[in-house]
Amino acid sequence: MNYPKTIEQKIGFDEIRKLLKGHCISKLGVERVDRMTFMTQPAYIREALQQVKDMQLLLDTEDQLPGEDFFDFRPQLRKLRVENVFLEEQELWELKRALVTMHSWIETIQAQRQDEEEPAAESLYPA
């Protein structure tokens, strides 16, 4: 079914989008919210809901996860494509902190998967 272009305003999704942007801790989050669209496919909706459920569980159960060092370092990485161009000390430090944060999240999720006793057991964070 084709929905009108104003469907998001009619159902108030534009207000939800504003609220979500207010909770983003980095430019990457804001860009992700901007890319969100009105979903009509049940499979995509189920997957998105499962991802939200997984994230809520992860945030509720894991105390040691860092949540502040999410930097958008794409400009610095683009800069490195140019030969003989190097990162400034602050840029390198932010990149390191972001990588350590991502590594910590990945380790936490992977450790949970390895702790499962049965290979066929369902993951705590399937999505």
C-alpha atoms as a PDB file:
ATOM      1  CA  MET A   1       0.000   0.000   0.000  1.00  0.00           C
ATOM      2  CA  ASN A   2       1.276   3.466  -0.839  1.00  0.00           C
ATOM      3  CA  TYR A   3       1.213   5.977   1.986  1.00  0.00           C
ATOM      4  CA  PRO A   4       1.142   9.763   1.493  1.00  0.00           C
ATOM      5  CA  LYS A   5       4.394  11.645   1.938  1.00  0.00           C
ATOM      6  CA  THR A   6       2.950  13.335   5.010  1.00  0.00           C
ATOM      7  CA  ILE A   7       2.202  10.080   6.854  1.00  0.00           C
ATOM      8  CA  GLU A   8       4.941  10.709   9.425  1.00  0.00           C
ATOM      9  CA  GLN A   9       3.465  14.089  10.355  1.00  0.00           C
ATOM     10  CA  LYS A  10      -0.084  12.711  10.453  1.00  0.00           C
ATOM     11  CA  ILE A  11       0.804   9.940  12.909  1.00  0.00           C
ATOM     12  CA  GLY A  12       3.258  12.046  14.944  1.00  0.00           C
ATOM     13  CA  PHE A  13       6.404  10.167  13.919  1.00  0.00           C
ATOM     14  CA  ASP A  14       8.146  13.458  13.219  1.00  0.00           C
ATOM     15  CA  GLU A  15       7.793  14.297  16.932  1.00  0.00           C
ATOM     16  CA  ILE A  16       9.220  10.898  17.895  1.00  0.00           C
ATOM     17  CA  ARG A  17      12.131  11.578  15.547  1.00  0.00           C
ATOM     18  CA  LYS A  18      12.830  14.884  17.353  1.00  0.00           C
ATOM     19  CA  LEU A  19      12.742  13.127  20.732  1.00  0.00           C
ATOM     20  CA  LEU A  20      15.117  10.423  19.503  1.00  0.00           C
ATOM     21  CA  LYS A  21      17.576  13.010  18.190  1.00  0.00           C
ATOM     22  CA  GLY A  22      17.564  14.647  21.603  1.00  0.00           C
ATOM     23  CA  HIS A  23      18.829  11.417  23.160  1.00  0.00           C
ATOM     24  CA  CYS A  24      21.615  10.812  20.645  1.00  0.00           C
ATOM     25  CA  ILE A  25      25.122  11.147  22.064  1.00  0.00           C
ATOM     26  CA  SER A  26      26.880  11.587  18.730  1.00  0.00           C
ATOM     27  CA  LYS A  27      26.394  12.828  15.205  1.00  0.00           C
ATOM     28  CA  LEU A  28      26.255   9.206  14.063  1.00  0.00           C
ATOM     29  CA  GLY A  29      23.095   8.645  16.106  1.00  0.00           C
ATOM     30  CA  VAL A  30      21.430  11.747  14.690  1.00  0.00           C
ATOM     31  CA  GLU A  31      22.238  10.576  11.157  1.00  0.00           C
ATOM     32  CA  ARG A  32      20.793   7.141  11.954  1.00  0.00           C
ATOM     33  CA  VAL A  33      17.548   8.734  13.159  1.00  0.00           C
ATOM     34  CA  ASP A  34      17.409  10.850   9.987  1.00  0.00           C
ATOM     35  CA  ARG A  35      17.652   7.681   7.871  1.00  0.00           C
ATOM     36  CA  MET A  36      14.788   5.986   9.703  1.00  0.00           C
ATOM     37  CA  THR A  37      11.663   5.630   7.611  1.00  0.00           C
ATOM     38  CA  PHE A  38       8.101   4.544   8.133  1.00  0.00           C
ATOM     39  CA  MET A  39       8.098   0.723   7.992  1.00  0.00           C
ATOM     40  CA  THR A  40       5.296  -1.364   6.564  1.00  0.00           C
ATOM     41  CA  GLN A  41       6.968  -4.759   6.123  1.00  0.00           C
ATOM     42  CA  PRO A  42       6.203  -7.034   9.117  1.00  0.00           C
ATOM     43  CA  ALA A  43       9.578  -8.812   8.884  1.00  0.00           C
ATOM     44  CA  TYR A  44      11.497  -5.533   9.096  1.00  0.00           C
ATOM     45  CA  ILE A  45       9.324  -4.324  11.961  1.00  0.00           C
ATOM     46  CA  ARG A  46       9.893  -7.560  13.902  1.00  0.00           C
ATOM     47  CA  GLU A  47      13.657  -7.311  13.343  1.00  0.00           C
ATOM     48  CA  ALA A  48      13.761  -3.675  14.470  1.00  0.00           C
ATOM     49  CA  LEU A  49      11.699  -4.467  17.570  1.00  0.00           C
ATOM     50  CA  GLN A  50      14.016  -7.371  18.419  1.00  0.00           C
ATOM     51  CA  GLN A  51      17.035  -5.073  18.078  1.00  0.00           C
ATOM     52  CA  VAL A  52      15.430  -2.602  20.484  1.00  0.00           C
ATOM     53  CA  LYS A  53      14.632  -5.432  22.907  1.00  0.00           C
ATOM     54  CA  ASP A  54      18.226  -6.689  22.714  1.00  0.00           C
ATOM     55  CA  MET A  55      19.625  -3.209  23.322  1.00  0.00           C
ATOM     56  CA  GLN A  56      17.321  -2.614  26.289  1.00  0.00           C
ATOM     57  CA  LEU A  57      18.369  -5.931  27.825  1.00  0.00           C
ATOM     58  CA  LEU A  58      22.033  -5.189  27.177  1.00  0.00           C
ATOM     59  CA  LEU A  59      21.796  -1.774  28.832  1.00  0.00           C
ATOM     60  CA  ASP A  60      19.800  -3.164  31.771  1.00  0.00           C
ATOM     61  CA  THR A  61      22.091  -6.112  32.505  1.00  0.00           C
ATOM     62  CA  GLU A  62      25.589  -4.907  31.668  1.00  0.00           C
ATOM     63  CA  ASP A  63      27.050  -2.420  34.139  1.00  0.00           C
ATOM     64  CA  GLN A  64      30.536  -2.085  32.680  1.00  0.00           C
ATOM     65  CA  LEU A  65      29.692  -0.907  29.163  1.00  0.00           C
ATOM     66  CA  PRO A  66      31.083   2.521  28.295  1.00  0.00           C
ATOM     67  CA  GLY A  67      28.541   4.851  26.789  1.00  0.00           C
ATOM     68  CA  GLU A  68      30.232   8.157  26.137  1.00  0.00           C
ATOM     69  CA  ASP A  69      33.108   7.633  23.750  1.00  0.00           C
ATOM     70  CA  PHE A  70      31.217   7.485  20.475  1.00  0.00           C
ATOM     71  CA  PHE A  71      32.978   9.884  18.148  1.00  0.00           C
ATOM     72  CA  ASP A  72      32.348  10.402  14.479  1.00  0.00           C
ATOM     73  CA  PHE A  73      35.866   9.911  13.159  1.00  0.00           C
ATOM     74  CA  ARG A  74      34.923   9.594   9.482  1.00  0.00           C
ATOM     75  CA  PRO A  75      36.464  13.009   8.671  1.00  0.00           C
ATOM     76  CA  GLN A  76      39.759  11.933  10.223  1.00  0.00           C
ATOM     77  CA  LEU A  77      39.713   8.653   8.314  1.00  0.00           C
ATOM     78  CA  ARG A  78      39.041  10.517   5.050  1.00  0.00           C
ATOM     79  CA  LYS A  79      41.979  12.768   5.877  1.00  0.00           C
ATOM     80  CA  LEU A  80      44.244   9.717   6.188  1.00  0.00           C
ATOM     81  CA  ARG A  81      43.533   8.726   2.590  1.00  0.00           C
ATOM     82  CA  VAL A  82      45.777  11.566   1.463  1.00  0.00           C
ATOM     83  CA  GLU A  83      49.412  10.574   1.292  1.00  0.00           C
ATOM     84  CA  ASN A  84      51.719  12.135   3.923  1.00  0.00           C
ATOM     85  CA  VAL A  85      48.799  13.444   5.997  1.00  0.00           C
ATOM     86  CA  PHE A  86      48.641  12.430   9.654  1.00  0.00           C
ATOM     87  CA  LEU A  87      46.174  12.735  12.507  1.00  0.00           C
ATOM     88  CA  GLU A  88      46.643  15.330  15.206  1.00  0.00           C
ATOM     89  CA  GLU A  89      47.227  14.034  18.723  1.00  0.00           C
ATOM     90  CA  GLN A  90      43.654  14.827  19.843  1.00  0.00           C
ATOM     91  CA  GLU A  91      42.191  13.112  16.779  1.00  0.00           C
ATOM     92  CA  LEU A  92      44.266  10.010  17.420  1.00  0.00           C
ATOM     93  CA  TRP A  93      43.199   9.978  21.068  1.00  0.00           C
ATOM     94  CA  GLU A  94      39.488  10.220  20.109  1.00  0.00           C
ATOM     95  CA  LEU A  95      39.909   7.436  17.575  1.00  0.00           C
ATOM     96  CA  LYS A  96      41.520   5.220  20.198  1.00  0.00           C
ATOM     97  CA  ARG A  97      38.761   5.907  22.735  1.00  0.00           C
ATOM     98  CA  ALA A  98      36.062   5.140  20.154  1.00  0.00           C
ATOM     99  CA  LEU A  99      37.748   1.883  19.158  1.00  0.00           C
ATOM    100  CA  VAL A 100      38.152   0.824  22.795  1.00  0.00           C
ATOM    101  CA  THR A 101      34.445   1.542  23.372  1.00  0.00           C
ATOM    102  CA  MET A 102      33.364  -0.487  20.341  1.00  0.00           C
ATOM    103  CA  HIS A 103      35.710  -3.322  21.313  1.00  0.00           C
ATOM    104  CA  SER A 104      34.209  -3.408  24.816  1.00  0.00           C
ATOM    105  CA  TRP A 105      30.666  -3.702  23.427  1.00  0.00           C
ATOM    106  CA  ILE A 106      31.686  -6.454  20.995  1.00  0.00           C
ATOM    107  CA  GLU A 107      33.541  -8.395  23.707  1.00  0.00           C
ATOM    108  CA  THR A 108      30.510  -8.253  26.009  1.00  0.00           C
ATOM    109  CA  ILE A 109      28.161  -9.624  23.361  1.00  0.00           C
ATOM    110  CA  GLN A 110      30.600 -12.294  22.192  1.00  0.00           C
ATOM    111  CA  ALA A 111      31.365 -13.398  25.764  1.00  0.00           C
ATOM    112  CA  GLN A 112      27.670 -14.010  26.345  1.00  0.00           C
ATOM    113  CA  ARG A 113      27.520 -16.191  23.241  1.00  0.00           C
ATOM    114  CA  GLN A 114      30.544 -18.234  24.352  1.00  0.00           C
ATOM    115  CA  ASP A 115      29.086 -18.731  27.831  1.00  0.00           C
ATOM    116  CA  GLU A 116      26.103 -20.601  26.445  1.00  0.00           C
ATOM    117  CA  GLU A 117      26.347 -24.262  27.337  1.00  0.00           C
ATOM    118  CA  GLU A 118      24.476 -25.689  24.381  1.00  0.00           C
ATOM    119  CA  PRO A 119      25.483 -24.776  20.819  1.00  0.00           C
ATOM    120  CA  ALA A 120      21.824 -24.678  19.817  1.00  0.00           C
ATOM    121  CA  ALA A 121      20.869 -22.375  22.723  1.00  0.00           C
ATOM    122  CA  GLU A 122      19.297 -19.121  21.718  1.00  0.00           C
ATOM    123  CA  SER A 123      21.525 -16.081  22.124  1.00  0.00           C
ATOM    124  CA  LEU A 124      20.592 -13.545  24.783  1.00  0.00           C
ATOM    125  CA  TYR A 125      20.991 -10.845  22.114  1.00  0.00           C
ATOM    126  CA  PRO A 126      19.896 -12.548  18.880  1.00  0.00           C
ATOM    127  CA  ALA A 127      19.475  -9.429  16.745  1.00  0.00           C
END
